[in-house]
Amino acid sequence: MLSEEEHVEAEALRARGWSVSQISRHLHRDPKTVRAYLAGKRKPGDRRSNIEDTFARFEPYVRQRLTDDHGLRATVLLRELAELGYDSSYQTLTRQVRSRGLRPHCEACAGVKGRATIEITHEPGEETQWDWLELPGAPWGG
C-alpha cells in the first residue's frame, strides 16, 4: 500500500519521466504496487483485505429474517445460523449486523427513551451495594 504522500511523489516522478522500476526502487516498494497506483487501479490509503468475508453468504438470510421479524433477538439468529454452518461468535454476528445495517429501522422501537429501567439514580457516594456469594469448597474457607 502506498500512502498519500508516496502516491503524490510517484505521480510527480512519473511526470518527470522516471520509469516504474526507478520509482519503485526510490520508494522501496514493489514495482507491481507502484504500477497499480499509477494506473489508477488502486487508491492511496485503501487496503485490500486478504481475509475472506465469511459472513457474506449469510447476509441475505439475516437481512430477510430481520425484515420479517423486527424484534428477533441476535441469540436466536445465532442459533439459526449455526445450523446453516455459521461458526463465528455472537459478538462477530452483532458487529456484522450493525456495520452492514441489516436491522431495518423500526419506528415503534425508536421511541423507547425514558422507559423504566433497573437503574436507581442517586448521588455519587450516597449508596453502596455489596453482593456476596458463599461458595462451598472455596480455598479461603466457606
N, C-alpha and C. Protein backbone atom coordinates (compact mmCIF):
# COMPACT_ATOMS: atom_id res chain seq x y z
N MET A 1 0.84 -1.17 0.00
CA MET A 1 0.00 0.00 0.00
C MET A 1 0.89 1.24 0.00
N LEU A 2 0.50 2.21 -0.79
CA LEU A 2 1.21 3.48 -0.81
C LEU A 2 0.42 4.50 0.00
N SER A 3 1.15 5.32 0.74
CA SER A 3 0.50 6.42 1.46
C SER A 3 0.18 7.52 0.45
N GLU A 4 -0.59 8.49 0.89
CA GLU A 4 -0.95 9.62 0.03
C GLU A 4 0.31 10.35 -0.44
N GLU A 5 1.26 10.54 0.48
CA GLU A 5 2.50 11.25 0.14
C GLU A 5 3.31 10.47 -0.90
N GLU A 6 3.40 9.15 -0.71
CA GLU A 6 4.15 8.33 -1.66
C GLU A 6 3.48 8.34 -3.04
N HIS A 7 2.15 8.34 -3.04
CA HIS A 7 1.43 8.37 -4.31
C HIS A 7 1.68 9.68 -5.05
N VAL A 8 1.65 10.79 -4.32
CA VAL A 8 1.93 12.10 -4.94
C VAL A 8 3.35 12.13 -5.48
N GLU A 9 4.28 11.60 -4.71
CA GLU A 9 5.67 11.57 -5.15
C GLU A 9 5.84 10.68 -6.37
N ALA A 10 5.17 9.54 -6.38
CA ALA A 10 5.26 8.64 -7.54
C ALA A 10 4.69 9.31 -8.79
N GLU A 11 3.58 10.02 -8.64
CA GLU A 11 2.99 10.73 -9.78
C GLU A 11 3.94 11.81 -10.30
N ALA A 12 4.57 12.53 -9.37
CA ALA A 12 5.50 13.60 -9.78
C ALA A 12 6.72 13.01 -10.49
N LEU A 13 7.24 11.91 -9.96
CA LEU A 13 8.41 11.29 -10.59
C LEU A 13 8.05 10.73 -11.96
N ARG A 14 6.85 10.18 -12.08
CA ARG A 14 6.40 9.66 -13.37
C ARG A 14 6.28 10.80 -14.39
N ALA A 15 5.79 11.96 -13.92
CA ALA A 15 5.66 13.13 -14.81
C ALA A 15 7.02 13.63 -15.27
N ARG A 16 8.06 13.39 -14.46
CA ARG A 16 9.43 13.78 -14.83
C ARG A 16 10.08 12.77 -15.77
N GLY A 17 9.38 11.65 -16.03
CA GLY A 17 9.92 10.67 -16.96
C GLY A 17 10.58 9.47 -16.32
N TRP A 18 10.47 9.32 -15.02
CA TRP A 18 11.06 8.17 -14.35
C TRP A 18 10.28 6.91 -14.74
N SER A 19 10.99 5.80 -14.80
CA SER A 19 10.33 4.52 -15.08
C SER A 19 9.72 3.97 -13.79
N VAL A 20 8.84 3.00 -13.96
CA VAL A 20 8.22 2.36 -12.80
C VAL A 20 9.28 1.70 -11.93
N SER A 21 10.27 1.10 -12.55
CA SER A 21 11.35 0.44 -11.80
C SER A 21 12.13 1.45 -10.96
N GLN A 22 12.43 2.59 -11.54
CA GLN A 22 13.17 3.62 -10.80
C GLN A 22 12.34 4.15 -9.63
N ILE A 23 11.06 4.39 -9.89
CA ILE A 23 10.19 4.89 -8.82
C ILE A 23 10.07 3.87 -7.70
N SER A 24 9.91 2.61 -8.05
CA SER A 24 9.76 1.57 -7.03
C SER A 24 11.03 1.43 -6.19
N ARG A 25 12.19 1.54 -6.81
CA ARG A 25 13.43 1.49 -6.04
C ARG A 25 13.56 2.70 -5.13
N HIS A 26 13.17 3.87 -5.64
CA HIS A 26 13.25 5.10 -4.86
C HIS A 26 12.31 5.04 -3.63
N LEU A 27 11.11 4.49 -3.82
CA LEU A 27 10.12 4.42 -2.73
C LEU A 27 10.24 3.15 -1.89
N HIS A 28 11.12 2.23 -2.31
CA HIS A 28 11.29 0.94 -1.64
C HIS A 28 9.97 0.16 -1.62
N ARG A 29 9.33 0.12 -2.79
CA ARG A 29 8.06 -0.58 -2.96
C ARG A 29 8.17 -1.53 -4.14
N ASP A 30 7.28 -2.51 -4.18
CA ASP A 30 7.24 -3.46 -5.27
C ASP A 30 6.80 -2.75 -6.56
N PRO A 31 7.43 -3.06 -7.69
CA PRO A 31 7.05 -2.41 -8.95
C PRO A 31 5.57 -2.64 -9.33
N LYS A 32 5.05 -3.83 -9.01
CA LYS A 32 3.64 -4.10 -9.34
C LYS A 32 2.72 -3.17 -8.55
N THR A 33 3.10 -2.87 -7.31
CA THR A 33 2.30 -1.97 -6.48
C THR A 33 2.33 -0.56 -7.07
N VAL A 34 3.52 -0.09 -7.41
CA VAL A 34 3.66 1.25 -7.98
C VAL A 34 2.89 1.35 -9.29
N ARG A 35 3.01 0.34 -10.14
CA ARG A 35 2.31 0.34 -11.43
C ARG A 35 0.80 0.39 -11.23
N ALA A 36 0.28 -0.34 -10.25
CA ALA A 36 -1.17 -0.35 -9.99
C ALA A 36 -1.66 1.03 -9.54
N TYR A 37 -0.88 1.71 -8.72
CA TYR A 37 -1.27 3.05 -8.26
C TYR A 37 -1.19 4.06 -9.39
N LEU A 38 -0.15 3.98 -10.20
CA LEU A 38 -0.01 4.93 -11.30
C LEU A 38 -1.08 4.71 -12.37
N ALA A 39 -1.55 3.47 -12.52
CA ALA A 39 -2.59 3.17 -13.50
C ALA A 39 -3.98 3.50 -12.97
N GLY A 40 -4.08 3.82 -11.67
CA GLY A 40 -5.36 4.15 -11.08
C GLY A 40 -6.17 2.95 -10.64
N LYS A 41 -5.57 1.77 -10.61
CA LYS A 41 -6.27 0.56 -10.18
C LYS A 41 -6.42 0.49 -8.67
N ARG A 42 -5.54 1.19 -7.98
CA ARG A 42 -5.60 1.24 -6.51
C ARG A 42 -5.52 2.69 -6.07
N LYS A 43 -6.06 2.95 -4.86
CA LYS A 43 -6.08 4.32 -4.33
C LYS A 43 -5.26 4.38 -3.05
N PRO A 44 -4.60 5.52 -2.78
CA PRO A 44 -3.81 5.65 -1.56
C PRO A 44 -4.69 5.53 -0.31
N GLY A 45 -4.20 4.81 0.68
CA GLY A 45 -4.90 4.67 1.95
C GLY A 45 -5.90 3.53 1.98
N ASP A 46 -6.25 2.96 0.83
CA ASP A 46 -7.19 1.84 0.80
C ASP A 46 -6.42 0.54 0.86
N ARG A 47 -6.80 -0.31 1.78
CA ARG A 47 -6.17 -1.62 1.89
C ARG A 47 -7.11 -2.67 1.33
N ARG A 48 -6.54 -3.60 0.63
CA ARG A 48 -7.31 -4.75 0.18
C ARG A 48 -7.17 -5.81 1.26
N SER A 49 -8.27 -6.39 1.63
CA SER A 49 -8.25 -7.41 2.67
C SER A 49 -7.93 -8.76 2.06
N ASN A 50 -7.04 -9.49 2.69
CA ASN A 50 -6.73 -10.85 2.27
C ASN A 50 -7.67 -11.85 2.93
N ILE A 51 -8.47 -11.36 3.86
CA ILE A 51 -9.35 -12.24 4.61
C ILE A 51 -10.66 -12.39 3.87
N GLU A 52 -11.08 -13.63 3.72
CA GLU A 52 -12.34 -13.91 3.05
C GLU A 52 -13.50 -13.44 3.92
N ASP A 53 -14.50 -12.86 3.30
CA ASP A 53 -15.69 -12.39 4.02
C ASP A 53 -16.59 -13.59 4.26
N THR A 54 -16.48 -14.20 5.44
CA THR A 54 -17.25 -15.40 5.74
C THR A 54 -18.71 -15.10 6.02
N PHE A 55 -19.03 -13.86 6.32
CA PHE A 55 -20.42 -13.50 6.64
C PHE A 55 -21.24 -13.24 5.38
N ALA A 56 -20.60 -13.00 4.26
CA ALA A 56 -21.30 -12.59 3.03
C ALA A 56 -22.36 -13.60 2.61
N ARG A 57 -22.10 -14.88 2.76
CA ARG A 57 -23.08 -15.87 2.31
C ARG A 57 -24.29 -15.94 3.23
N PHE A 58 -24.17 -15.43 4.48
CA PHE A 58 -25.29 -15.43 5.41
C PHE A 58 -26.07 -14.12 5.38
N GLU A 59 -25.51 -13.10 4.74
CA GLU A 59 -26.14 -11.78 4.76
C GLU A 59 -27.56 -11.75 4.22
N PRO A 60 -27.86 -12.37 3.07
CA PRO A 60 -29.25 -12.34 2.59
C PRO A 60 -30.23 -12.98 3.57
N TYR A 61 -29.83 -14.09 4.19
CA TYR A 61 -30.69 -14.76 5.15
C TYR A 61 -30.95 -13.86 6.36
N VAL A 62 -29.89 -13.26 6.89
CA VAL A 62 -30.02 -12.39 8.07
C VAL A 62 -30.89 -11.19 7.74
N ARG A 63 -30.67 -10.58 6.58
CA ARG A 63 -31.47 -9.43 6.17
C ARG A 63 -32.96 -9.80 6.10
N GLN A 64 -33.26 -10.95 5.51
CA GLN A 64 -34.65 -11.38 5.38
C GLN A 64 -35.28 -11.68 6.73
N ARG A 65 -34.54 -12.37 7.60
CA ARG A 65 -35.07 -12.71 8.93
C ARG A 65 -35.34 -11.45 9.75
N LEU A 66 -34.45 -10.47 9.67
CA LEU A 66 -34.65 -9.24 10.44
C LEU A 66 -35.73 -8.36 9.83
N THR A 67 -35.95 -8.47 8.55
CA THR A 67 -37.05 -7.75 7.91
C THR A 67 -38.39 -8.38 8.31
N ASP A 68 -38.43 -9.70 8.34
CA ASP A 68 -39.65 -10.41 8.70
C ASP A 68 -40.02 -10.24 10.17
N ASP A 69 -39.01 -10.22 11.03
CA ASP A 69 -39.25 -10.13 12.47
C ASP A 69 -38.34 -9.06 13.06
N HIS A 70 -38.89 -7.85 13.25
CA HIS A 70 -38.09 -6.71 13.74
C HIS A 70 -37.51 -6.97 15.12
N GLY A 71 -38.21 -7.73 15.95
CA GLY A 71 -37.76 -7.96 17.32
C GLY A 71 -36.94 -9.21 17.50
N LEU A 72 -36.48 -9.80 16.43
CA LEU A 72 -35.70 -11.03 16.53
C LEU A 72 -34.42 -10.80 17.30
N ARG A 73 -34.20 -11.60 18.31
CA ARG A 73 -33.00 -11.46 19.13
C ARG A 73 -31.81 -12.07 18.41
N ALA A 74 -30.66 -11.49 18.64
CA ALA A 74 -29.44 -11.96 17.98
C ALA A 74 -29.06 -13.37 18.43
N THR A 75 -29.41 -13.74 19.67
CA THR A 75 -29.09 -15.08 20.14
C THR A 75 -29.88 -16.13 19.37
N VAL A 76 -31.15 -15.83 19.06
CA VAL A 76 -31.96 -16.74 18.26
C VAL A 76 -31.40 -16.83 16.85
N LEU A 77 -31.03 -15.70 16.30
CA LEU A 77 -30.46 -15.66 14.97
C LEU A 77 -29.15 -16.44 14.91
N LEU A 78 -28.35 -16.34 15.96
CA LEU A 78 -27.09 -17.07 16.02
C LEU A 78 -27.34 -18.57 15.99
N ARG A 79 -28.35 -19.06 16.74
CA ARG A 79 -28.67 -20.49 16.73
C ARG A 79 -29.11 -20.94 15.33
N GLU A 80 -29.92 -20.13 14.66
CA GLU A 80 -30.36 -20.47 13.31
C GLU A 80 -29.18 -20.52 12.35
N LEU A 81 -28.29 -19.55 12.46
CA LEU A 81 -27.14 -19.50 11.57
C LEU A 81 -26.17 -20.64 11.83
N ALA A 82 -26.05 -21.05 13.10
CA ALA A 82 -25.16 -22.16 13.44
C ALA A 82 -25.62 -23.44 12.74
N GLU A 83 -26.93 -23.61 12.63
CA GLU A 83 -27.46 -24.79 11.91
C GLU A 83 -27.15 -24.72 10.42
N LEU A 84 -26.93 -23.51 9.91
CA LEU A 84 -26.60 -23.33 8.50
C LEU A 84 -25.10 -23.34 8.24
N GLY A 85 -24.30 -23.47 9.30
CA GLY A 85 -22.85 -23.55 9.13
C GLY A 85 -22.08 -22.33 9.59
N TYR A 86 -22.73 -21.36 10.19
CA TYR A 86 -22.05 -20.17 10.70
C TYR A 86 -21.27 -20.56 11.94
N ASP A 87 -19.97 -20.28 11.97
CA ASP A 87 -19.16 -20.73 13.10
C ASP A 87 -18.46 -19.59 13.85
N SER A 88 -18.87 -18.35 13.59
CA SER A 88 -18.27 -17.23 14.32
C SER A 88 -19.05 -16.97 15.60
N SER A 89 -18.57 -16.00 16.38
CA SER A 89 -19.14 -15.74 17.70
C SER A 89 -20.35 -14.81 17.64
N TYR A 90 -21.02 -14.70 18.77
CA TYR A 90 -22.15 -13.78 18.93
C TYR A 90 -21.71 -12.35 18.68
N GLN A 91 -20.55 -11.98 19.22
CA GLN A 91 -20.04 -10.63 19.06
C GLN A 91 -19.78 -10.30 17.59
N THR A 92 -19.24 -11.27 16.85
CA THR A 92 -19.00 -11.07 15.43
C THR A 92 -20.31 -10.89 14.68
N LEU A 93 -21.31 -11.68 15.04
CA LEU A 93 -22.62 -11.56 14.40
C LEU A 93 -23.22 -10.18 14.63
N THR A 94 -23.24 -9.72 15.87
CA THR A 94 -23.84 -8.42 16.15
C THR A 94 -23.05 -7.29 15.50
N ARG A 95 -21.73 -7.42 15.44
CA ARG A 95 -20.91 -6.40 14.78
C ARG A 95 -21.23 -6.35 13.28
N GLN A 96 -21.39 -7.52 12.66
CA GLN A 96 -21.72 -7.57 11.24
C GLN A 96 -23.10 -6.99 10.97
N VAL A 97 -24.06 -7.29 11.83
CA VAL A 97 -25.42 -6.76 11.66
C VAL A 97 -25.41 -5.24 11.75
N ARG A 98 -24.66 -4.70 12.74
CA ARG A 98 -24.58 -3.24 12.90
C ARG A 98 -23.83 -2.59 11.75
N SER A 99 -22.66 -3.10 11.41
CA SER A 99 -21.82 -2.44 10.40
C SER A 99 -22.44 -2.50 9.01
N ARG A 100 -23.21 -3.53 8.72
CA ARG A 100 -23.83 -3.66 7.40
C ARG A 100 -25.24 -3.06 7.37
N GLY A 101 -25.72 -2.61 8.52
CA GLY A 101 -27.04 -2.00 8.57
C GLY A 101 -28.16 -2.97 8.21
N LEU A 102 -28.06 -4.20 8.70
CA LEU A 102 -29.02 -5.23 8.31
C LEU A 102 -30.35 -5.15 9.06
N ARG A 103 -30.34 -4.58 10.26
CA ARG A 103 -31.59 -4.48 11.01
C ARG A 103 -32.33 -3.24 10.52
N PRO A 104 -33.54 -3.43 9.94
CA PRO A 104 -34.27 -2.28 9.43
C PRO A 104 -34.75 -1.36 10.54
N HIS A 105 -34.95 -0.10 10.20
CA HIS A 105 -35.41 0.88 11.17
C HIS A 105 -36.84 0.56 11.56
N CYS A 106 -37.11 0.57 12.85
CA CYS A 106 -38.45 0.30 13.37
C CYS A 106 -38.89 1.54 14.15
N GLU A 107 -39.91 2.21 13.68
CA GLU A 107 -40.37 3.44 14.33
C GLU A 107 -40.90 3.16 15.74
N ALA A 108 -41.54 2.01 15.94
CA ALA A 108 -42.06 1.67 17.26
C ALA A 108 -40.93 1.49 18.28
N CYS A 109 -39.80 0.96 17.82
CA CYS A 109 -38.67 0.73 18.73
C CYS A 109 -37.83 1.99 18.93
N ALA A 110 -37.93 2.94 18.04
CA ALA A 110 -37.08 4.12 18.09
C ALA A 110 -37.40 5.03 19.26
N GLY A 111 -38.64 5.03 19.75
CA GLY A 111 -39.02 5.95 20.80
C GLY A 111 -39.11 5.34 22.17
N VAL A 112 -38.18 4.49 22.56
CA VAL A 112 -38.25 3.83 23.86
C VAL A 112 -37.47 4.57 24.94
N LYS A 113 -37.06 5.78 24.67
CA LYS A 113 -36.31 6.54 25.68
C LYS A 113 -37.24 6.88 26.85
N GLY A 114 -36.73 6.86 28.05
CA GLY A 114 -37.50 7.25 29.21
C GLY A 114 -38.30 6.13 29.83
N ARG A 115 -38.13 4.90 29.35
CA ARG A 115 -38.88 3.81 29.95
C ARG A 115 -38.22 3.37 31.25
N ALA A 116 -38.95 2.66 32.08
CA ALA A 116 -38.45 2.22 33.37
C ALA A 116 -37.29 1.24 33.18
N THR A 117 -36.24 1.43 33.96
CA THR A 117 -35.10 0.52 33.93
C THR A 117 -34.77 0.13 35.36
N ILE A 118 -33.77 -0.70 35.53
CA ILE A 118 -33.38 -1.14 36.87
C ILE A 118 -32.40 -0.19 37.53
N GLU A 119 -32.01 0.85 36.82
CA GLU A 119 -31.03 1.78 37.38
C GLU A 119 -31.71 2.73 38.37
N ILE A 120 -31.07 2.94 39.50
CA ILE A 120 -31.59 3.84 40.52
C ILE A 120 -30.69 5.06 40.54
N THR A 121 -31.28 6.22 40.35
CA THR A 121 -30.45 7.43 40.34
C THR A 121 -30.18 7.88 41.77
N HIS A 122 -28.93 8.16 42.07
CA HIS A 122 -28.53 8.67 43.38
C HIS A 122 -27.20 9.38 43.22
N GLU A 123 -26.91 10.21 44.18
CA GLU A 123 -25.67 10.97 44.15
C GLU A 123 -24.48 10.03 44.37
N PRO A 124 -23.34 10.34 43.78
CA PRO A 124 -22.15 9.51 43.99
C PRO A 124 -21.79 9.43 45.47
N GLY A 125 -21.53 8.22 45.93
CA GLY A 125 -21.15 8.00 47.33
C GLY A 125 -22.34 7.88 48.27
N GLU A 126 -23.53 8.13 47.80
CA GLU A 126 -24.71 8.08 48.64
C GLU A 126 -25.11 6.64 48.96
N GLU A 127 -24.85 5.73 48.03
CA GLU A 127 -25.30 4.36 48.22
C GLU A 127 -24.19 3.41 47.80
N THR A 128 -23.97 2.38 48.59
CA THR A 128 -23.01 1.35 48.25
C THR A 128 -23.70 0.01 48.38
N GLN A 129 -23.51 -0.84 47.39
CA GLN A 129 -24.13 -2.16 47.42
C GLN A 129 -23.02 -3.20 47.37
N TRP A 130 -23.11 -4.18 48.26
CA TRP A 130 -22.15 -5.26 48.29
C TRP A 130 -22.89 -6.56 48.02
N ASP A 131 -22.45 -7.30 47.05
CA ASP A 131 -23.01 -8.61 46.77
C ASP A 131 -22.01 -9.65 47.26
N TRP A 132 -22.53 -10.69 47.90
CA TRP A 132 -21.66 -11.69 48.46
C TRP A 132 -22.20 -13.05 48.10
N LEU A 133 -21.29 -13.95 47.75
CA LEU A 133 -21.69 -15.30 47.41
C LEU A 133 -20.77 -16.26 48.15
N GLU A 134 -21.37 -17.17 48.91
CA GLU A 134 -20.60 -18.20 49.60
C GLU A 134 -20.47 -19.41 48.68
N LEU A 135 -19.25 -19.77 48.38
CA LEU A 135 -19.02 -20.94 47.53
C LEU A 135 -18.54 -22.09 48.39
N PRO A 136 -19.25 -23.21 48.39
CA PRO A 136 -18.81 -24.37 49.17
C PRO A 136 -17.50 -24.91 48.58
N GLY A 137 -16.57 -25.22 49.43
CA GLY A 137 -15.30 -25.78 48.99
C GLY A 137 -14.34 -24.75 48.44
N ALA A 138 -14.56 -23.49 48.70
CA ALA A 138 -13.65 -22.45 48.23
C ALA A 138 -12.34 -22.54 49.00
N PRO A 139 -11.21 -22.23 48.39
CA PRO A 139 -9.91 -22.36 49.07
C PRO A 139 -9.78 -21.46 50.29
N TRP A 140 -10.53 -20.39 50.41
CA TRP A 140 -10.41 -19.48 51.54
C TRP A 140 -11.37 -19.87 52.65
N GLY A 141 -12.05 -20.97 52.50
CA GLY A 141 -12.98 -21.44 53.53
C GLY A 141 -14.39 -21.01 53.18
N GLY A 142 -15.35 -21.76 53.54
CA GLY A 142 -16.70 -21.46 53.06
C GLY A 142 -17.59 -21.13 54.17
